[in-house]
Amino acid sequence: MPSSLRRGKGKLEIDWEEMEAIEAEHRAGRGLFGGDPYLRHARNPHVPPEPARWFCLAQASDEHRARLRDFLTSAPSELEIGAGDGRFIVEWASMHPERHFLAFEVRGRLVHTMYRAIEERGLTNVWVCDDDARAAIPEIVPPGSIEVIHILMPDPWWKQRHARCRLFSLHMLSILAQALKPGGILRFESDVEGYPEFLDMLIERHPDFEPHDPALAERFANIPLTTRQQWCVEHGVPIFRRFYRRRASGAPAEAQP
């Protein structure tokens, strides 16, 4: 049955049956940004040669896959999905050299900007991946290896015909739950009114996450801003925040709509 959330003068229509169909397409590699990475016909010539800390599913050797997995399990690790130009992840990694980070960004220009910033700062605790996280995380992130997942200012794709582009779904929450350690945190921030409530509705339907816990905000009180967040602060635009814990017991399971 469709439901909706208000968003200013408009509203976000949520058709749960359609979302289920879209999730089935994503599982089959359709509807992903850049398409199914294994169906790409040409190599990306802009990906630096291994062992550079850049991962591309369709081009990575078995050795490079093992290299990344070892990286994520050899220190407390965090993910950022939709890292943009890397402003947040570069600063956060600089502040925490004892931690390891993997940043996902599908837009070519931005992922190159981020990678250059990482190289210029001499950071060895950050990898980048230019694949859609929905396809890449199950392939390359060891289950239960991640302490924090940051998803900051994602495009909400409000129109129903664009729902297949929307990052969050019950299937995606299962992917994130698989990656997180028990007690790990999913951190979400948006300047779009109504998006946090949409995510709350998904979380309520998923068995592996606890409801939003405002007390977790203290852990991220002095965290760097993304480029979009900085713009919001400068222009007085409110930012809405959510923090969800991975439940401490039970194996990750697919949610039932």
C-alpha atoms as a PDB file:
ATOM      1  CA  MET A   1       0.000   0.000   0.000  1.00  0.00           C
ATOM      2  CA  PRO A   2       1.414   3.436  -0.906  1.00  0.00           C
ATOM      3  CA  SER A   3       2.152   5.919   1.878  1.00  0.00           C
ATOM      4  CA  SER A   4       3.684   9.363   1.780  1.00  0.00           C
ATOM      5  CA  LEU A   5       5.737  11.888   3.711  1.00  0.00           C
ATOM      6  CA  ARG A   6       5.283  15.606   3.418  1.00  0.00           C
ATOM      7  CA  ARG A   7       8.131  17.615   2.002  1.00  0.00           C
ATOM      8  CA  GLY A   8       7.368  21.343   2.036  1.00  0.00           C
ATOM      9  CA  LYS A   9       4.493  21.836  -0.410  1.00  0.00           C
ATOM     10  CA  GLY A  10       5.040  18.421  -1.935  1.00  0.00           C
ATOM     11  CA  LYS A  11       5.287  14.891  -0.652  1.00  0.00           C
ATOM     12  CA  LEU A  12       7.299  11.740  -1.147  1.00  0.00           C
ATOM     13  CA  GLU A  13       5.144   8.871  -2.326  1.00  0.00           C
ATOM     14  CA  ILE A  14       6.232   5.501  -0.970  1.00  0.00           C
ATOM     15  CA  ASP A  15       4.873   2.503  -2.839  1.00  0.00           C
ATOM     16  CA  TRP A  16       6.190  -0.495  -0.929  1.00  0.00           C
ATOM     17  CA  GLU A  17       5.297  -2.982  -3.657  1.00  0.00           C
ATOM     18  CA  GLU A  18       7.160  -0.933  -6.246  1.00  0.00           C
ATOM     19  CA  MET A  19      10.140  -0.592  -3.910  1.00  0.00           C
ATOM     20  CA  GLU A  20      10.250  -4.373  -3.591  1.00  0.00           C
ATOM     21  CA  ALA A  21      10.336  -4.714  -7.393  1.00  0.00           C
ATOM     22  CA  ILE A  22      13.110  -2.118  -7.652  1.00  0.00           C
ATOM     23  CA  GLU A  23      15.160  -3.928  -5.021  1.00  0.00           C
ATOM     24  CA  ALA A  24      14.876  -7.124  -7.068  1.00  0.00           C
ATOM     25  CA  GLU A  25      16.318  -5.222 -10.044  1.00  0.00           C
ATOM     26  CA  HIS A  26      19.212  -3.971  -7.921  1.00  0.00           C
ATOM     27  CA  ARG A  27      19.984  -7.527  -6.802  1.00  0.00           C
ATOM     28  CA  ALA A  28      20.161  -8.490 -10.467  1.00  0.00           C
ATOM     29  CA  GLY A  29      22.570  -5.628 -11.232  1.00  0.00           C
ATOM     30  CA  ARG A  30      19.989  -3.391 -12.940  1.00  0.00           C
ATOM     31  CA  GLY A  31      19.282   0.202 -11.959  1.00  0.00           C
ATOM     32  CA  LEU A  32      22.714   0.711 -10.391  1.00  0.00           C
ATOM     33  CA  PHE A  33      24.717   3.858 -11.059  1.00  0.00           C
ATOM     34  CA  GLY A  34      27.091   2.966 -13.856  1.00  0.00           C
ATOM     35  CA  GLY A  35      25.194  -0.281 -14.411  1.00  0.00           C
ATOM     36  CA  ASP A  36      26.340  -3.744 -13.450  1.00  0.00           C
ATOM     37  CA  PRO A  37      30.127  -3.304 -13.064  1.00  0.00           C
ATOM     38  CA  TYR A  38      30.785  -6.756 -14.497  1.00  0.00           C
ATOM     39  CA  LEU A  39      29.015  -5.873 -17.744  1.00  0.00           C
ATOM     40  CA  ARG A  40      31.221  -2.908 -18.565  1.00  0.00           C
ATOM     41  CA  HIS A  41      32.905  -3.450 -21.911  1.00  0.00           C
ATOM     42  CA  ALA A  42      35.882  -1.147 -21.457  1.00  0.00           C
ATOM     43  CA  ARG A  43      38.376  -0.594 -18.695  1.00  0.00           C
ATOM     44  CA  ASN A  44      38.467   2.811 -17.061  1.00  0.00           C
ATOM     45  CA  PRO A  45      41.849   4.218 -18.130  1.00  0.00           C
ATOM     46  CA  HIS A  46      41.764   6.786 -15.324  1.00  0.00           C
ATOM     47  CA  VAL A  47      41.969   4.202 -12.539  1.00  0.00           C
ATOM     48  CA  PRO A  48      45.562   4.221 -11.249  1.00  0.00           C
ATOM     49  CA  PRO A  49      47.433   0.914 -11.490  1.00  0.00           C
ATOM     50  CA  GLU A  50      47.519  -1.470  -8.560  1.00  0.00           C
ATOM     51  CA  PRO A  51      48.502  -1.338  -5.754  1.00  0.00           C
ATOM     52  CA  ALA A  52      47.054   2.199  -5.666  1.00  0.00           C
ATOM     53  CA  ARG A  53      44.370   2.589  -2.998  1.00  0.00           C
ATOM     54  CA  TRP A  54      41.590   2.785  -5.600  1.00  0.00           C
ATOM     55  CA  PHE A  55      39.204  -0.121  -6.093  1.00  0.00           C
ATOM     56  CA  CYS A  56      37.142  -0.846  -9.212  1.00  0.00           C
ATOM     57  CA  LEU A  57      35.161  -4.100  -9.141  1.00  0.00           C
ATOM     58  CA  ALA A  58      35.484  -4.953 -12.817  1.00  0.00           C
ATOM     59  CA  GLN A  59      39.226  -4.292 -12.954  1.00  0.00           C
ATOM     60  CA  ALA A  60      40.592  -5.423  -9.596  1.00  0.00           C
ATOM     61  CA  SER A  61      42.805  -8.480  -9.393  1.00  0.00           C
ATOM     62  CA  ASP A  62      42.305 -11.112  -6.718  1.00  0.00           C
ATOM     63  CA  GLU A  63      45.399  -9.733  -5.003  1.00  0.00           C
ATOM     64  CA  HIS A  64      43.910  -6.243  -4.918  1.00  0.00           C
ATOM     65  CA  ARG A  65      40.651  -7.559  -3.463  1.00  0.00           C
ATOM     66  CA  ALA A  66      42.609  -9.317  -0.728  1.00  0.00           C
ATOM     67  CA  ARG A  67      44.622  -6.142  -0.154  1.00  0.00           C
ATOM     68  CA  LEU A  68      41.458  -4.106   0.458  1.00  0.00           C
ATOM     69  CA  ARG A  69      39.850  -6.720   2.693  1.00  0.00           C
ATOM     70  CA  ASP A  70      43.015  -6.938   4.801  1.00  0.00           C
ATOM     71  CA  PHE A  71      43.014  -3.141   5.034  1.00  0.00           C
ATOM     72  CA  LEU A  72      39.446  -3.102   6.397  1.00  0.00           C
ATOM     73  CA  THR A  73      40.092  -5.804   8.994  1.00  0.00           C
ATOM     74  CA  SER A  74      43.483  -4.632  10.277  1.00  0.00           C
ATOM     75  CA  ALA A  75      42.189  -1.528  12.108  1.00  0.00           C
ATOM     76  CA  PRO A  76      38.869   0.000  13.225  1.00  0.00           C
ATOM     77  CA  SER A  77      37.212   0.895   9.917  1.00  0.00           C
ATOM     78  CA  GLU A  78      34.547   3.263   8.595  1.00  0.00           C
ATOM     79  CA  LEU A  79      32.751   3.735   5.270  1.00  0.00           C
ATOM     80  CA  GLU A  80      31.431   6.839   3.583  1.00  0.00           C
ATOM     81  CA  ILE A  81      28.880   6.372   0.803  1.00  0.00           C
ATOM     82  CA  GLY A  82      28.562   9.292  -1.590  1.00  0.00           C
ATOM     83  CA  ALA A  83      31.789  10.989  -0.541  1.00  0.00           C
ATOM     84  CA  GLY A  84      31.642  13.683  -3.238  1.00  0.00           C
ATOM     85  CA  ASP A  85      34.838  15.695  -3.443  1.00  0.00           C
ATOM     86  CA  GLY A  86      36.147  14.016  -0.290  1.00  0.00           C
ATOM     87  CA  ARG A  87      36.161  17.071   1.941  1.00  0.00           C
ATOM     88  CA  PHE A  88      34.759  15.185   4.932  1.00  0.00           C
ATOM     89  CA  ILE A  89      36.597  11.889   4.586  1.00  0.00           C
ATOM     90  CA  VAL A  90      39.994  13.514   3.942  1.00  0.00           C
ATOM     91  CA  GLU A  91      39.743  15.671   7.059  1.00  0.00           C
ATOM     92  CA  TRP A  92      38.297  12.886   9.207  1.00  0.00           C
ATOM     93  CA  ALA A  93      41.017  10.448   8.129  1.00  0.00           C
ATOM     94  CA  SER A  94      43.678  13.074   8.833  1.00  0.00           C
ATOM     95  CA  MET A  95      42.311  13.434  12.366  1.00  0.00           C
ATOM     96  CA  HIS A  96      42.265   9.644  12.910  1.00  0.00           C
ATOM     97  CA  PRO A  97      45.390   8.012  11.449  1.00  0.00           C
ATOM     98  CA  GLU A  98      44.738   4.973  13.645  1.00  0.00           C
ATOM     99  CA  ARG A  99      41.512   4.209  11.752  1.00  0.00           C
ATOM    100  CA  HIS A 100      40.922   2.963   8.203  1.00  0.00           C
ATOM    101  CA  PHE A 101      38.399   4.422   5.748  1.00  0.00           C
ATOM    102  CA  LEU A 102      36.777   3.374   2.480  1.00  0.00           C
ATOM    103  CA  ALA A 103      34.970   6.085   0.499  1.00  0.00           C
ATOM    104  CA  PHE A 104      32.455   5.349  -2.273  1.00  0.00           C
ATOM    105  CA  GLU A 105      31.735   7.885  -5.039  1.00  0.00           C
ATOM    106  CA  VAL A 106      30.310   7.068  -8.474  1.00  0.00           C
ATOM    107  CA  ARG A 107      30.806  10.464 -10.140  1.00  0.00           C
ATOM    108  CA  GLY A 108      34.103  10.363 -12.007  1.00  0.00           C
ATOM    109  CA  ARG A 109      35.118  13.990 -11.640  1.00  0.00           C
ATOM    110  CA  LEU A 110      34.482  13.977  -7.897  1.00  0.00           C
ATOM    111  CA  VAL A 111      36.194  10.678  -7.166  1.00  0.00           C
ATOM    112  CA  HIS A 112      39.297  11.943  -8.972  1.00  0.00           C
ATOM    113  CA  THR A 113      39.196  15.160  -6.944  1.00  0.00           C
ATOM    114  CA  MET A 114      38.950  13.125  -3.747  1.00  0.00           C
ATOM    115  CA  TYR A 115      41.761  10.769  -4.734  1.00  0.00           C
ATOM    116  CA  ARG A 116      44.067  13.686  -5.564  1.00  0.00           C
ATOM    117  CA  ALA A 117      43.352  15.245  -2.173  1.00  0.00           C
ATOM    118  CA  ILE A 118      44.170  11.968  -0.440  1.00  0.00           C
ATOM    119  CA  GLU A 119      47.446  11.663  -2.335  1.00  0.00           C
ATOM    120  CA  GLU A 120      48.397  15.302  -1.743  1.00  0.00           C
ATOM    121  CA  ARG A 121      47.851  14.882   2.001  1.00  0.00           C
ATOM    122  CA  GLY A 122      49.901  11.702   1.999  1.00  0.00           C
ATOM    123  CA  LEU A 123      47.106   9.704   3.633  1.00  0.00           C
ATOM    124  CA  THR A 124      47.639   5.962   3.682  1.00  0.00           C
ATOM    125  CA  ASN A 125      44.498   5.132   5.687  1.00  0.00           C
ATOM    126  CA  VAL A 126      41.928   5.866   2.952  1.00  0.00           C
ATOM    127  CA  TRP A 127      40.830   3.848  -0.075  1.00  0.00           C
ATOM    128  CA  VAL A 128      38.337   4.988  -2.701  1.00  0.00           C
ATOM    129  CA  CYS A 129      35.880   2.944  -4.762  1.00  0.00           C
ATOM    130  CA  ASP A 130      34.056   4.266  -7.838  1.00  0.00           C
ATOM    131  CA  ASP A 131      31.413   1.511  -7.944  1.00  0.00           C
ATOM    132  CA  ASP A 132      27.829   1.734  -6.722  1.00  0.00           C
ATOM    133  CA  ALA A 133      28.022   0.772  -3.045  1.00  0.00           C
ATOM    134  CA  ARG A 134      24.948  -1.435  -3.425  1.00  0.00           C
ATOM    135  CA  ALA A 135      26.955  -3.722  -5.688  1.00  0.00           C
ATOM    136  CA  ALA A 136      30.387  -3.279  -4.151  1.00  0.00           C
ATOM    137  CA  ILE A 137      29.851  -3.642  -0.405  1.00  0.00           C
ATOM    138  CA  PRO A 138      28.725  -7.297  -0.504  1.00  0.00           C
ATOM    139  CA  GLU A 139      31.713  -8.109  -2.729  1.00  0.00           C
ATOM    140  CA  ILE A 140      34.545  -6.341  -0.954  1.00  0.00           C
ATOM    141  CA  VAL A 141      33.625  -5.482   2.648  1.00  0.00           C
ATOM    142  CA  PRO A 142      34.120  -8.359   5.102  1.00  0.00           C
ATOM    143  CA  PRO A 143      30.952  -8.976   7.128  1.00  0.00           C
ATOM    144  CA  GLY A 144      30.973  -7.382  10.550  1.00  0.00           C
ATOM    145  CA  SER A 145      34.128  -5.354   9.888  1.00  0.00           C
ATOM    146  CA  ILE A 146      32.813  -1.772   9.945  1.00  0.00           C
ATOM    147  CA  GLU A 147      32.265   0.419  13.007  1.00  0.00           C
ATOM    148  CA  VAL A 148      30.612   3.446  11.371  1.00  0.00           C
ATOM    149  CA  ILE A 149      28.918   4.096   8.030  1.00  0.00           C
ATOM    150  CA  HIS A 150      28.502   7.756   7.056  1.00  0.00           C
ATOM    151  CA  ILE A 151      25.840   8.708   4.500  1.00  0.00           C
ATOM    152  CA  LEU A 152      25.790  12.479   4.308  1.00  0.00           C
ATOM    153  CA  MET A 153      23.503  14.706   2.231  1.00  0.00           C
ATOM    154  CA  PRO A 154      22.423  12.094  -0.347  1.00  0.00           C
ATOM    155  CA  ASP A 155      20.137  13.002  -3.230  1.00  0.00           C
ATOM    156  CA  PRO A 156      16.597  12.028  -2.101  1.00  0.00           C
ATOM    157  CA  TRP A 157      15.292  11.370  -5.639  1.00  0.00           C
ATOM    158  CA  TRP A 158      11.827  12.445  -4.546  1.00  0.00           C
ATOM    159  CA  LYS A 159       9.834  11.680  -7.695  1.00  0.00           C
ATOM    160  CA  GLN A 160       8.368   8.184  -7.779  1.00  0.00           C
ATOM    161  CA  ARG A 161       9.704   7.581 -11.298  1.00  0.00           C
ATOM    162  CA  HIS A 162      13.199   8.155  -9.859  1.00  0.00           C
ATOM    163  CA  ALA A 163      12.691   5.746  -6.944  1.00  0.00           C
ATOM    164  CA  ARG A 164      15.123   3.224  -8.473  1.00  0.00           C
ATOM    165  CA  CYS A 165      17.902   5.799  -7.965  1.00  0.00           C
ATOM    166  CA  ARG A 166      17.164   6.274  -4.265  1.00  0.00           C
ATOM    167  CA  LEU A 167      19.979   4.904  -2.124  1.00  0.00           C
ATOM    168  CA  PHE A 168      17.938   3.704   0.817  1.00  0.00           C
ATOM    169  CA  SER A 169      15.769   0.611   0.673  1.00  0.00           C
ATOM    170  CA  LEU A 170      15.199  -2.402   2.884  1.00  0.00           C
ATOM    171  CA  HIS A 171      17.655  -4.340   0.731  1.00  0.00           C
ATOM    172  CA  MET A 172      20.288  -1.614   1.137  1.00  0.00           C
ATOM    173  CA  LEU A 173      19.779  -1.634   4.903  1.00  0.00           C
ATOM    174  CA  SER A 174      20.482  -5.374   4.841  1.00  0.00           C
ATOM    175  CA  ILE A 175      23.709  -4.700   2.941  1.00  0.00           C
ATOM    176  CA  LEU A 176      24.740  -2.089   5.512  1.00  0.00           C
ATOM    177  CA  ALA A 177      23.802  -4.361   8.419  1.00  0.00           C
ATOM    178  CA  GLN A 178      25.958  -7.128   6.945  1.00  0.00           C
ATOM    179  CA  ALA A 179      28.968  -4.794   6.870  1.00  0.00           C
ATOM    180  CA  LEU A 180      28.528  -3.312  10.349  1.00  0.00           C
ATOM    181  CA  LYS A 181      29.818  -4.815  13.542  1.00  0.00           C
ATOM    182  CA  PRO A 182      27.192  -5.521  16.215  1.00  0.00           C
ATOM    183  CA  GLY A 183      26.681  -2.145  17.877  1.00  0.00           C
ATOM    184  CA  GLY A 184      28.063  -0.325  14.827  1.00  0.00           C
ATOM    185  CA  ILE A 185      26.498   2.972  13.800  1.00  0.00           C
ATOM    186  CA  LEU A 186      24.736   4.122  10.643  1.00  0.00           C
ATOM    187  CA  ARG A 187      25.068   7.920  10.572  1.00  0.00           C
ATOM    188  CA  PHE A 188      22.772   9.822   8.205  1.00  0.00           C
ATOM    189  CA  GLU A 189      22.497  13.578   7.616  1.00  0.00           C
ATOM    190  CA  SER A 190      20.361  15.528   5.152  1.00  0.00           C
ATOM    191  CA  ASP A 191      19.153  19.064   4.513  1.00  0.00           C
ATOM    192  CA  VAL A 192      15.974  17.716   2.891  1.00  0.00           C
ATOM    193  CA  GLU A 193      12.890  17.875   5.083  1.00  0.00           C
ATOM    194  CA  GLY A 194      11.077  14.541   5.161  1.00  0.00           C
ATOM    195  CA  TYR A 195      14.020  12.361   4.158  1.00  0.00           C
ATOM    196  CA  PRO A 196      14.917  11.414   7.760  1.00  0.00           C
ATOM    197  CA  GLU A 197      11.316  10.369   8.381  1.00  0.00           C
ATOM    198  CA  PHE A 198      11.425   8.223   5.249  1.00  0.00           C
ATOM    199  CA  LEU A 199      14.512   6.484   6.611  1.00  0.00           C
ATOM    200  CA  ASP A 200      12.847   6.084  10.024  1.00  0.00           C
ATOM    201  CA  MET A 201      10.018   4.214   8.284  1.00  0.00           C
ATOM    202  CA  LEU A 202      12.485   1.852   6.632  1.00  0.00           C
ATOM    203  CA  ILE A 203      14.368   1.281   9.883  1.00  0.00           C
ATOM    204  CA  GLU A 204      11.111   0.360  11.631  1.00  0.00           C
ATOM    205  CA  ARG A 205      10.616  -2.395   9.054  1.00  0.00           C
ATOM    206  CA  HIS A 206      14.141  -3.781   9.337  1.00  0.00           C
ATOM    207  CA  PRO A 207      15.130  -6.321  12.026  1.00  0.00           C
ATOM    208  CA  ASP A 208      18.817  -5.433  12.272  1.00  0.00           C
ATOM    209  CA  PHE A 209      18.703  -1.771  13.337  1.00  0.00           C
ATOM    210  CA  GLU A 210      17.609  -0.010  16.492  1.00  0.00           C
ATOM    211  CA  PRO A 211      15.557   3.208  16.216  1.00  0.00           C
ATOM    212  CA  HIS A 212      17.237   6.599  15.954  1.00  0.00           C
ATOM    213  CA  ASP A 213      19.229   7.404  19.105  1.00  0.00           C
ATOM    214  CA  PRO A 214      19.862  11.182  19.474  1.00  0.00           C
ATOM    215  CA  ALA A 215      22.393  10.519  22.248  1.00  0.00           C
ATOM    216  CA  LEU A 216      24.832   9.168  19.649  1.00  0.00           C
ATOM    217  CA  ALA A 217      25.228  12.694  18.257  1.00  0.00           C
ATOM    218  CA  GLU A 218      27.740  13.420  21.014  1.00  0.00           C
ATOM    219  CA  ARG A 219      30.191  10.979  19.432  1.00  0.00           C
ATOM    220  CA  PHE A 220      30.240  13.113  16.260  1.00  0.00           C
ATOM    221  CA  ALA A 221      30.100  16.549  17.888  1.00  0.00           C
ATOM    222  CA  ASN A 222      33.384  17.850  16.440  1.00  0.00           C
ATOM    223  CA  ILE A 223      33.341  16.054  13.115  1.00  0.00           C
ATOM    224  CA  PRO A 224      34.328  17.829   9.853  1.00  0.00           C
ATOM    225  CA  LEU A 225      31.676  18.992   7.387  1.00  0.00           C
ATOM    226  CA  THR A 226      31.073  17.985   3.796  1.00  0.00           C
ATOM    227  CA  THR A 227      31.080  20.701   1.143  1.00  0.00           C
ATOM    228  CA  ARG A 228      27.270  20.669   1.103  1.00  0.00           C
ATOM    229  CA  GLN A 229      27.042  20.812   4.895  1.00  0.00           C
ATOM    230  CA  GLN A 230      29.381  23.811   4.955  1.00  0.00           C
ATOM    231  CA  TRP A 231      27.117  25.580   2.440  1.00  0.00           C
ATOM    232  CA  CYS A 232      24.083  24.832   4.624  1.00  0.00           C
ATOM    233  CA  VAL A 233      25.783  26.245   7.709  1.00  0.00           C
ATOM    234  CA  GLU A 234      26.784  29.412   5.862  1.00  0.00           C
ATOM    235  CA  HIS A 235      23.252  29.927   4.495  1.00  0.00           C
ATOM    236  CA  GLY A 236      21.289  28.992   7.597  1.00  0.00           C
ATOM    237  CA  VAL A 237      19.822  25.818   6.112  1.00  0.00           C
ATOM    238  CA  PRO A 238      18.906  23.237   8.801  1.00  0.00           C
ATOM    239  CA  ILE A 239      20.546  19.825   8.728  1.00  0.00           C
ATOM    240  CA  PHE A 240      18.565  16.825   9.967  1.00  0.00           C
ATOM    241  CA  ARG A 241      20.467  13.983  11.622  1.00  0.00           C
ATOM    242  CA  ARG A 242      19.839  10.337  12.391  1.00  0.00           C
ATOM    243  CA  PHE A 243      21.945   7.730  14.201  1.00  0.00           C
ATOM    244  CA  TYR A 244      21.001   4.048  14.134  1.00  0.00           C
ATOM    245  CA  ARG A 245      22.792   1.202  15.894  1.00  0.00           C
ATOM    246  CA  ARG A 246      23.249  -2.231  14.413  1.00  0.00           C
ATOM    247  CA  ARG A 247      21.536  -4.618  16.792  1.00  0.00           C
ATOM    248  CA  ALA A 248      24.027  -6.472  18.945  1.00  0.00           C
ATOM    249  CA  SER A 249      22.597  -9.956  18.463  1.00  0.00           C
ATOM    250  CA  GLY A 250      21.354 -12.053  15.602  1.00  0.00           C
ATOM    251  CA  ALA A 251      22.729 -12.550  12.121  1.00  0.00           C
ATOM    252  CA  PRO A 252      21.893 -10.028   9.380  1.00  0.00           C
ATOM    253  CA  ALA A 253      18.652 -10.905   7.620  1.00  0.00           C
ATOM    254  CA  GLU A 254      16.655  -9.592   4.717  1.00  0.00           C
ATOM    255  CA  ALA A 255      13.801  -7.391   5.919  1.00  0.00           C
ATOM    256  CA  GLN A 256      10.235  -8.273   5.093  1.00  0.00           C
ATOM    257  CA  PRO A 257       8.102  -5.448   3.611  1.00  0.00           C
END
